[in-house]
Amino acid sequence: MELLVYSADWCRDCREAKRFLSQHSIPFTEINIEKTPGAAEQVIAHTGKRAIPQFVLNGKWIQPYKPGHGFLHDEMSELFGVPPQ
């Protein structure tokens, strides 16, 4: 399994997404859109907006949060096969 996480330091939902992955020992590679040249453009090219966090799981782009509602714990638990929090 290859998991990329597009994020930024200032993003609360990004911190929650990384906390979830760490709590469940799910390995990931973080791509900070403010420190990695071209990363923000990749997000826009694949999602049509500058929306983070974004997961790229085995090449498939997944938005692990819902604007105004935060990180989707139940959906991501099911996706990764881990117990819900």
PDB file of N, CA and C in Angstrom:
ATOM      1  N   MET A   1       0.850  -1.179   0.000  1.00  0.00           N
ATOM      2  CA  MET A   1       0.000   0.000   0.000  1.00  0.00           C
ATOM      3  C   MET A   1       0.895   1.241   0.000  1.00  0.00           C
ATOM      4  N   GLU A   2       0.615   2.148  -0.910  1.00  0.00           N
ATOM      5  CA  GLU A   2       1.316   3.423  -0.929  1.00  0.00           C
ATOM      6  C   GLU A   2       0.321   4.528  -0.628  1.00  0.00           C
ATOM      7  N   LEU A   3       0.608   5.312   0.403  1.00  0.00           N
ATOM      8  CA  LEU A   3      -0.281   6.394   0.806  1.00  0.00           C
ATOM      9  C   LEU A   3       0.496   7.697   0.858  1.00  0.00           C
ATOM     10  N   LEU A   4       0.039   8.668   0.078  1.00  0.00           N
ATOM     11  CA  LEU A   4       0.571  10.024   0.125  1.00  0.00           C
ATOM     12  C   LEU A   4      -0.467  10.901   0.805  1.00  0.00           C
ATOM     13  N   VAL A   5      -0.004  11.849   1.607  1.00  0.00           N
ATOM     14  CA  VAL A   5      -0.900  12.783   2.274  1.00  0.00           C
ATOM     15  C   VAL A   5      -0.466  14.195   1.906  1.00  0.00           C
ATOM     16  N   TYR A   6      -1.290  14.885   1.145  1.00  0.00           N
ATOM     17  CA  TYR A   6      -1.032  16.282   0.813  1.00  0.00           C
ATOM     18  C   TYR A   6      -1.580  17.118   1.958  1.00  0.00           C
ATOM     19  N   SER A   7      -0.724  17.988   2.518  1.00  0.00           N
ATOM     20  CA  SER A   7      -1.120  18.736   3.706  1.00  0.00           C
ATOM     21  C   SER A   7      -0.353  20.048   3.797  1.00  0.00           C
ATOM     22  N   ALA A   8      -0.619  20.791   4.873  1.00  0.00           N
ATOM     23  CA  ALA A   8       0.115  22.011   5.211  1.00  0.00           C
ATOM     24  C   ALA A   8       0.125  22.124   6.734  1.00  0.00           C
ATOM     25  N   ASP A   9       1.148  22.782   7.256  1.00  0.00           N
ATOM     26  CA  ASP A   9       1.300  22.901   8.707  1.00  0.00           C
ATOM     27  C   ASP A   9       0.127  23.610   9.375  1.00  0.00           C
ATOM     28  N   TRP A  10      -0.462  24.593   8.707  1.00  0.00           N
ATOM     29  CA  TRP A  10      -1.520  25.402   9.298  1.00  0.00           C
ATOM     30  C   TRP A  10      -2.901  24.728   9.261  1.00  0.00           C
ATOM     31  N   CYS A  11      -3.010  23.606   8.585  1.00  0.00           N
ATOM     32  CA  CYS A  11      -4.300  22.967   8.329  1.00  0.00           C
ATOM     33  C   CYS A  11      -4.719  22.036   9.476  1.00  0.00           C
ATOM     34  N   ARG A  12      -5.798  22.401  10.167  1.00  0.00           N
ATOM     35  CA  ARG A  12      -6.285  21.605  11.298  1.00  0.00           C
ATOM     36  C   ARG A  12      -6.740  20.210  10.860  1.00  0.00           C
ATOM     37  N   ASP A  13      -7.475  20.120   9.747  1.00  0.00           N
ATOM     38  CA  ASP A  13      -7.928  18.814   9.264  1.00  0.00           C
ATOM     39  C   ASP A  13      -6.744  17.940   8.848  1.00  0.00           C
ATOM     40  N   CYS A  14      -5.682  18.563   8.355  1.00  0.00           N
ATOM     41  CA  CYS A  14      -4.474  17.811   7.997  1.00  0.00           C
ATOM     42  C   CYS A  14      -3.843  17.188   9.242  1.00  0.00           C
ATOM     43  N   ARG A  15      -3.757  17.971  10.303  1.00  0.00           N
ATOM     44  CA  ARG A  15      -3.183  17.447  11.562  1.00  0.00           C
ATOM     45  C   ARG A  15      -4.028  16.278  12.077  1.00  0.00           C
ATOM     46  N   GLU A  16      -5.342  16.405  11.977  1.00  0.00           N
ATOM     47  CA  GLU A  16      -6.235  15.328  12.417  1.00  0.00           C
ATOM     48  C   GLU A  16      -6.065  14.083  11.551  1.00  0.00           C
ATOM     49  N   ALA A  17      -5.919  14.271  10.247  1.00  0.00           N
ATOM     50  CA  ALA A  17      -5.723  13.135   9.337  1.00  0.00           C
ATOM     51  C   ALA A  17      -4.425  12.400   9.671  1.00  0.00           C
ATOM     52  N   LYS A  18      -3.346  13.145   9.891  1.00  0.00           N
ATOM     53  CA  LYS A  18      -2.055  12.517  10.216  1.00  0.00           C
ATOM     54  C   LYS A  18      -2.097  11.846  11.585  1.00  0.00           C
ATOM     55  N   ARG A  19      -2.828  12.454  12.527  1.00  0.00           N
ATOM     56  CA  ARG A  19      -2.978  11.840  13.850  1.00  0.00           C
ATOM     57  C   ARG A  19      -3.708  10.493  13.732  1.00  0.00           C
ATOM     58  N   PHE A  20      -4.776  10.459  12.942  1.00  0.00           N
ATOM     59  CA  PHE A  20      -5.536   9.231  12.705  1.00  0.00           C
ATOM     60  C   PHE A  20      -4.614   8.150  12.124  1.00  0.00           C
ATOM     61  N   LEU A  21      -3.855   8.500  11.103  1.00  0.00           N
ATOM     62  CA  LEU A  21      -2.973   7.520  10.463  1.00  0.00           C
ATOM     63  C   LEU A  21      -1.917   7.027  11.439  1.00  0.00           C
ATOM     64  N   SER A  22      -1.343   7.918  12.206  1.00  0.00           N
ATOM     65  CA  SER A  22      -0.317   7.529  13.181  1.00  0.00           C
ATOM     66  C   SER A  22      -0.892   6.647  14.279  1.00  0.00           C
ATOM     67  N   GLN A  23      -2.074   6.990  14.770  1.00  0.00           N
ATOM     68  CA  GLN A  23      -2.722   6.200  15.829  1.00  0.00           C
ATOM     69  C   GLN A  23      -2.949   4.756  15.383  1.00  0.00           C
ATOM     70  N   HIS A  24      -3.206   4.572  14.103  1.00  0.00           N
ATOM     71  CA  HIS A  24      -3.491   3.239  13.574  1.00  0.00           C
ATOM     72  C   HIS A  24      -2.280   2.610  12.878  1.00  0.00           C
ATOM     73  N   SER A  25      -1.108   3.236  13.082  1.00  0.00           N
ATOM     74  CA  SER A  25       0.144   2.723  12.507  1.00  0.00           C
ATOM     75  C   SER A  25       0.044   2.501  11.000  1.00  0.00           C
ATOM     76  N   ILE A  26      -0.600   3.434  10.318  1.00  0.00           N
ATOM     77  CA  ILE A  26      -0.732   3.379   8.859  1.00  0.00           C
ATOM     78  C   ILE A  26       0.392   4.230   8.280  1.00  0.00           C
ATOM     79  N   PRO A  27       1.324   3.605   7.570  1.00  0.00           N
ATOM     80  CA  PRO A  27       2.454   4.379   7.033  1.00  0.00           C
ATOM     81  C   PRO A  27       2.014   5.290   5.891  1.00  0.00           C
ATOM     82  N   PHE A  28       2.607   6.486   5.863  1.00  0.00           N
ATOM     83  CA  PHE A  28       2.288   7.444   4.806  1.00  0.00           C
ATOM     84  C   PHE A  28       3.482   8.340   4.549  1.00  0.00           C
ATOM     85  N   THR A  29       3.455   8.948   3.388  1.00  0.00           N
ATOM     86  CA  THR A  29       4.444   9.956   3.029  1.00  0.00           C
ATOM     87  C   THR A  29       3.716  11.284   2.945  1.00  0.00           C
ATOM     88  N   GLU A  30       4.194  12.250   3.705  1.00  0.00           N
ATOM     89  CA  GLU A  30       3.561  13.564   3.710  1.00  0.00           C
ATOM     90  C   GLU A  30       4.167  14.439   2.620  1.00  0.00           C
ATOM     91  N   ILE A  31       3.297  15.155   1.919  1.00  0.00           N
ATOM     92  CA  ILE A  31       3.723  16.130   0.920  1.00  0.00           C
ATOM     93  C   ILE A  31       3.134  17.474   1.341  1.00  0.00           C
ATOM     94  N   ASN A  32       3.987  18.346   1.844  1.00  0.00           N
ATOM     95  CA  ASN A  32       3.553  19.658   2.301  1.00  0.00           C
ATOM     96  C   ASN A  32       3.414  20.567   1.079  1.00  0.00           C
ATOM     97  N   ILE A  33       2.202  21.057   0.840  1.00  0.00           N
ATOM     98  CA  ILE A  33       1.956  21.831  -0.381  1.00  0.00           C
ATOM     99  C   ILE A  33       2.662  23.174  -0.373  1.00  0.00           C
ATOM    100  N   GLU A  34       3.092  23.640   0.787  1.00  0.00           N
ATOM    101  CA  GLU A  34       3.780  24.924   0.856  1.00  0.00           C
ATOM    102  C   GLU A  34       5.297  24.768   0.764  1.00  0.00           C
ATOM    103  N   LYS A  35       5.809  23.572   0.948  1.00  0.00           N
ATOM    104  CA  LYS A  35       7.254  23.351   0.935  1.00  0.00           C
ATOM    105  C   LYS A  35       7.718  22.508  -0.251  1.00  0.00           C
ATOM    106  N   THR A  36       6.787  21.841  -0.924  1.00  0.00           N
ATOM    107  CA  THR A  36       7.136  20.969  -2.047  1.00  0.00           C
ATOM    108  C   THR A  36       6.724  21.648  -3.346  1.00  0.00           C
ATOM    109  N   PRO A  37       7.699  22.050  -4.160  1.00  0.00           N
ATOM    110  CA  PRO A  37       7.356  22.717  -5.423  1.00  0.00           C
ATOM    111  C   PRO A  37       6.420  21.862  -6.285  1.00  0.00           C
ATOM    112  N   GLY A  38       5.348  22.494  -6.755  1.00  0.00           N
ATOM    113  CA  GLY A  38       4.392  21.827  -7.632  1.00  0.00           C
ATOM    114  C   GLY A  38       3.321  21.026  -6.922  1.00  0.00           C
ATOM    115  N   ALA A  39       3.423  20.859  -5.604  1.00  0.00           N
ATOM    116  CA  ALA A  39       2.452  20.029  -4.875  1.00  0.00           C
ATOM    117  C   ALA A  39       1.054  20.645  -4.879  1.00  0.00           C
ATOM    118  N   ALA A  40       0.959  21.944  -4.640  1.00  0.00           N
ATOM    119  CA  ALA A  40      -0.364  22.594  -4.637  1.00  0.00           C
ATOM    120  C   ALA A  40      -1.009  22.473  -6.017  1.00  0.00           C
ATOM    121  N   GLU A  41      -0.205  22.584  -7.051  1.00  0.00           N
ATOM    122  CA  GLU A  41      -0.717  22.455  -8.409  1.00  0.00           C
ATOM    123  C   GLU A  41      -1.217  21.033  -8.680  1.00  0.00           C
ATOM    124  N   GLN A  42      -0.554  20.042  -8.095  1.00  0.00           N
ATOM    125  CA  GLN A  42      -1.003  18.644  -8.231  1.00  0.00           C
ATOM    126  C   GLN A  42      -2.388  18.476  -7.611  1.00  0.00           C
ATOM    127  N   VAL A  43      -2.571  19.049  -6.423  1.00  0.00           N
ATOM    128  CA  VAL A  43      -3.877  18.958  -5.755  1.00  0.00           C
ATOM    129  C   VAL A  43      -4.949  19.594  -6.634  1.00  0.00           C
ATOM    130  N   ILE A  44      -4.677  20.777  -7.140  1.00  0.00           N
ATOM    131  CA  ILE A  44      -5.653  21.475  -7.979  1.00  0.00           C
ATOM    132  C   ILE A  44      -5.934  20.679  -9.254  1.00  0.00           C
ATOM    133  N   ALA A  45      -4.896  20.128  -9.863  1.00  0.00           N
ATOM    134  CA  ALA A  45      -5.072  19.372 -11.107  1.00  0.00           C
ATOM    135  C   ALA A  45      -5.950  18.142 -10.904  1.00  0.00           C
ATOM    136  N   HIS A  46      -5.857  17.504  -9.729  1.00  0.00           N
ATOM    137  CA  HIS A  46      -6.604  16.266  -9.494  1.00  0.00           C
ATOM    138  C   HIS A  46      -7.960  16.483  -8.840  1.00  0.00           C
ATOM    139  N   THR A  47      -8.127  17.599  -8.127  1.00  0.00           N
ATOM    140  CA  THR A  47      -9.386  17.810  -7.406  1.00  0.00           C
ATOM    141  C   THR A  47     -10.182  19.003  -7.915  1.00  0.00           C
ATOM    142  N   GLY A  48      -9.526  19.868  -8.676  1.00  0.00           N
ATOM    143  CA  GLY A  48     -10.202  21.059  -9.165  1.00  0.00           C
ATOM    144  C   GLY A  48     -10.222  22.202  -8.169  1.00  0.00           C
ATOM    145  N   LYS A  49      -9.582  22.014  -7.025  1.00  0.00           N
ATOM    146  CA  LYS A  49      -9.547  23.055  -5.998  1.00  0.00           C
ATOM    147  C   LYS A  49      -8.317  22.850  -5.114  1.00  0.00           C
ATOM    148  N   ARG A  50      -7.988  23.855  -4.351  1.00  0.00           N
ATOM    149  CA  ARG A  50      -6.865  23.748  -3.415  1.00  0.00           C
ATOM    150  C   ARG A  50      -7.436  23.304  -2.069  1.00  0.00           C
ATOM    151  N   ALA A  51      -7.757  22.044  -1.980  1.00  0.00           N
ATOM    152  CA  ALA A  51      -8.414  21.489  -0.800  1.00  0.00           C
ATOM    153  C   ALA A  51      -7.514  20.428  -0.171  1.00  0.00           C
ATOM    154  N   ILE A  52      -7.154  20.650   1.067  1.00  0.00           N
ATOM    155  CA  ILE A  52      -6.335  19.677   1.794  1.00  0.00           C
ATOM    156  C   ILE A  52      -6.986  19.406   3.137  1.00  0.00           C
ATOM    157  N   PRO A  53      -6.746  18.257   3.714  1.00  0.00           N
ATOM    158  CA  PRO A  53      -5.849  17.204   3.267  1.00  0.00           C
ATOM    159  C   PRO A  53      -6.428  16.409   2.098  1.00  0.00           C
ATOM    160  N   GLN A  54      -5.528  15.792   1.379  1.00  0.00           N
ATOM    161  CA  GLN A  54      -5.896  14.836   0.340  1.00  0.00           C
ATOM    162  C   GLN A  54      -5.049  13.593   0.539  1.00  0.00           C
ATOM    163  N   PHE A  55      -5.677  12.434   0.432  1.00  0.00           N
ATOM    164  CA  PHE A  55      -4.959  11.167   0.436  1.00  0.00           C
ATOM    165  C   PHE A  55      -4.842  10.696  -1.009  1.00  0.00           C
ATOM    166  N   VAL A  56      -3.718  10.106  -1.335  1.00  0.00           N
ATOM    167  CA  VAL A  56      -3.568   9.406  -2.614  1.00  0.00           C
ATOM    168  C   VAL A  56      -3.177   7.982  -2.238  1.00  0.00           C
ATOM    169  N   LEU A  57      -4.156   7.088  -2.320  1.00  0.00           N
ATOM    170  CA  LEU A  57      -3.978   5.706  -1.916  1.00  0.00           C
ATOM    171  C   LEU A  57      -3.832   4.843  -3.159  1.00  0.00           C
ATOM    172  N   ASN A  58      -2.628   4.312  -3.337  1.00  0.00           N
ATOM    173  CA  ASN A  58      -2.329   3.489  -4.518  1.00  0.00           C
ATOM    174  C   ASN A  58      -2.767   4.187  -5.805  1.00  0.00           C
ATOM    175  N   GLY A  59      -2.511   5.496  -5.878  1.00  0.00           N
ATOM    176  CA  GLY A  59      -2.811   6.266  -7.077  1.00  0.00           C
ATOM    177  C   GLY A  59      -4.203   6.872  -7.135  1.00  0.00           C
ATOM    178  N   LYS A  60      -5.085   6.525  -6.191  1.00  0.00           N
ATOM    179  CA  LYS A  60      -6.458   7.045  -6.180  1.00  0.00           C
ATOM    180  C   LYS A  60      -6.567   8.213  -5.200  1.00  0.00           C
ATOM    181  N   TRP A  61      -7.075   9.343  -5.680  1.00  0.00           N
ATOM    182  CA  TRP A  61      -7.234  10.535  -4.842  1.00  0.00           C
ATOM    183  C   TRP A  61      -8.501  10.418  -3.996  1.00  0.00           C
ATOM    184  N   ILE A  62      -8.344  10.708  -2.690  1.00  0.00           N
ATOM    185  CA  ILE A  62      -9.449  10.592  -1.731  1.00  0.00           C
ATOM    186  C   ILE A  62      -9.444  11.830  -0.839  1.00  0.00           C
ATOM    187  N   GLN A  63     -10.588  12.459  -0.697  1.00  0.00           N
ATOM    188  CA  GLN A  63     -10.707  13.589   0.227  1.00  0.00           C
ATOM    189  C   GLN A  63     -11.194  13.041   1.568  1.00  0.00           C
ATOM    190  N   PRO A  64     -10.321  13.031   2.595  1.00  0.00           N
ATOM    191  CA  PRO A  64     -10.677  12.388   3.859  1.00  0.00           C
ATOM    192  C   PRO A  64     -11.419  13.286   4.849  1.00  0.00           C
ATOM    193  N   TYR A  65     -11.985  14.353   4.382  1.00  0.00           N
ATOM    194  CA  TYR A  65     -12.734  15.251   5.251  1.00  0.00           C
ATOM    195  C   TYR A  65     -13.904  15.841   4.463  1.00  0.00           C
ATOM    196  N   LYS A  66     -14.826  16.403   5.198  1.00  0.00           N
ATOM    197  CA  LYS A  66     -15.952  17.096   4.575  1.00  0.00           C
ATOM    198  C   LYS A  66     -15.923  18.529   5.090  1.00  0.00           C
ATOM    199  N   PRO A  67     -15.876  19.518   4.182  1.00  0.00           N
ATOM    200  CA  PRO A  67     -15.826  20.912   4.631  1.00  0.00           C
ATOM    201  C   PRO A  67     -16.942  21.222   5.630  1.00  0.00           C
ATOM    202  N   GLY A  68     -16.540  21.839   6.714  1.00  0.00           N
ATOM    203  CA  GLY A  68     -17.494  22.200   7.749  1.00  0.00           C
ATOM    204  C   GLY A  68     -17.797  21.084   8.742  1.00  0.00           C
ATOM    205  N   HIS A  69     -17.338  19.870   8.434  1.00  0.00           N
ATOM    206  CA  HIS A  69     -17.595  18.724   9.316  1.00  0.00           C
ATOM    207  C   HIS A  69     -16.322  18.067   9.811  1.00  0.00           C
ATOM    208  N   GLY A  70     -15.201  18.347   9.163  1.00  0.00           N
ATOM    209  CA  GLY A  70     -13.921  17.812   9.605  1.00  0.00           C
ATOM    210  C   GLY A  70     -13.584  16.447   9.026  1.00  0.00           C
ATOM    211  N   PHE A  71     -12.632  15.799   9.675  1.00  0.00           N
ATOM    212  CA  PHE A  71     -12.112  14.514   9.220  1.00  0.00           C
ATOM    213  C   PHE A  71     -13.195  13.433   9.303  1.00  0.00           C
ATOM    214  N   LEU A  72     -13.247  12.589   8.293  1.00  0.00           N
ATOM    215  CA  LEU A  72     -14.267  11.532   8.211  1.00  0.00           C
ATOM    216  C   LEU A  72     -13.756  10.247   8.876  1.00  0.00           C
ATOM    217  N   HIS A  73     -13.802  10.216  10.188  1.00  0.00           N
ATOM    218  CA  HIS A  73     -13.251   9.089  10.952  1.00  0.00           C
ATOM    219  C   HIS A  73     -13.875   7.754  10.548  1.00  0.00           C
ATOM    220  N   ASP A  74     -15.190   7.685  10.493  1.00  0.00           N
ATOM    221  CA  ASP A  74     -15.851   6.411  10.194  1.00  0.00           C
ATOM    222  C   ASP A  74     -15.508   5.912   8.792  1.00  0.00           C
ATOM    223  N   GLU A  75     -15.583   6.801   7.816  1.00  0.00           N
ATOM    224  CA  GLU A  75     -15.292   6.411   6.437  1.00  0.00           C
ATOM    225  C   GLU A  75     -13.845   5.979   6.256  1.00  0.00           C
ATOM    226  N   MET A  76     -12.914   6.708   6.898  1.00  0.00           N
ATOM    227  CA  MET A  76     -11.496   6.360   6.756  1.00  0.00           C
ATOM    228  C   MET A  76     -11.166   5.077   7.536  1.00  0.00           C
ATOM    229  N   SER A  77     -11.852   4.861   8.658  1.00  0.00           N
ATOM    230  CA  SER A  77     -11.658   3.606   9.395  1.00  0.00           C
ATOM    231  C   SER A  77     -12.060   2.440   8.536  1.00  0.00           C
ATOM    232  N   GLU A  78     -13.187   2.569   7.837  1.00  0.00           N
ATOM    233  CA  GLU A  78     -13.649   1.498   6.956  1.00  0.00           C
ATOM    234  C   GLU A  78     -12.674   1.308   5.784  1.00  0.00           C
ATOM    235  N   LEU A  79     -12.242   2.394   5.189  1.00  0.00           N
ATOM    236  CA  LEU A  79     -11.326   2.323   4.043  1.00  0.00           C
ATOM    237  C   LEU A  79     -10.034   1.597   4.406  1.00  0.00           C
ATOM    238  N   PHE A  80      -9.494   1.883   5.576  1.00  0.00           N
ATOM    239  CA  PHE A  80      -8.212   1.308   5.980  1.00  0.00           C
ATOM    240  C   PHE A  80      -8.360   0.039   6.817  1.00  0.00           C
ATOM    241  N   GLY A  81      -9.606  -0.357   7.092  1.00  0.00           N
ATOM    242  CA  GLY A  81      -9.835  -1.597   7.825  1.00  0.00           C
ATOM    243  C   GLY A  81      -9.372  -1.539   9.268  1.00  0.00           C
ATOM    244  N   VAL A  82      -9.602  -0.393   9.915  1.00  0.00           N
ATOM    245  CA  VAL A  82      -9.236  -0.234  11.314  1.00  0.00           C
ATOM    246  C   VAL A  82     -10.490   0.062  12.137  1.00  0.00           C
ATOM    247  N   PRO A  83     -10.444  -0.220  13.446  1.00  0.00           N
ATOM    248  CA  PRO A  83     -11.630   0.049  14.274  1.00  0.00           C
ATOM    249  C   PRO A  83     -11.954   1.536  14.312  1.00  0.00           C
ATOM    250  N   PRO A  84     -13.233   1.897  14.262  1.00  0.00           N
ATOM    251  CA  PRO A  84     -13.618   3.298  14.378  1.00  0.00           C
ATOM    252  C   PRO A  84     -13.261   3.848  15.756  1.00  0.00           C
ATOM    253  N   GLN A  85     -13.036   5.143  15.804  1.00  0.00           N
ATOM    254  CA  GLN A  85     -12.653   5.777  17.082  1.00  0.00           C
ATOM    255  C   GLN A  85     -13.873   6.107  17.901  1.00  0.00           C
TER     256      GLN A  85
END
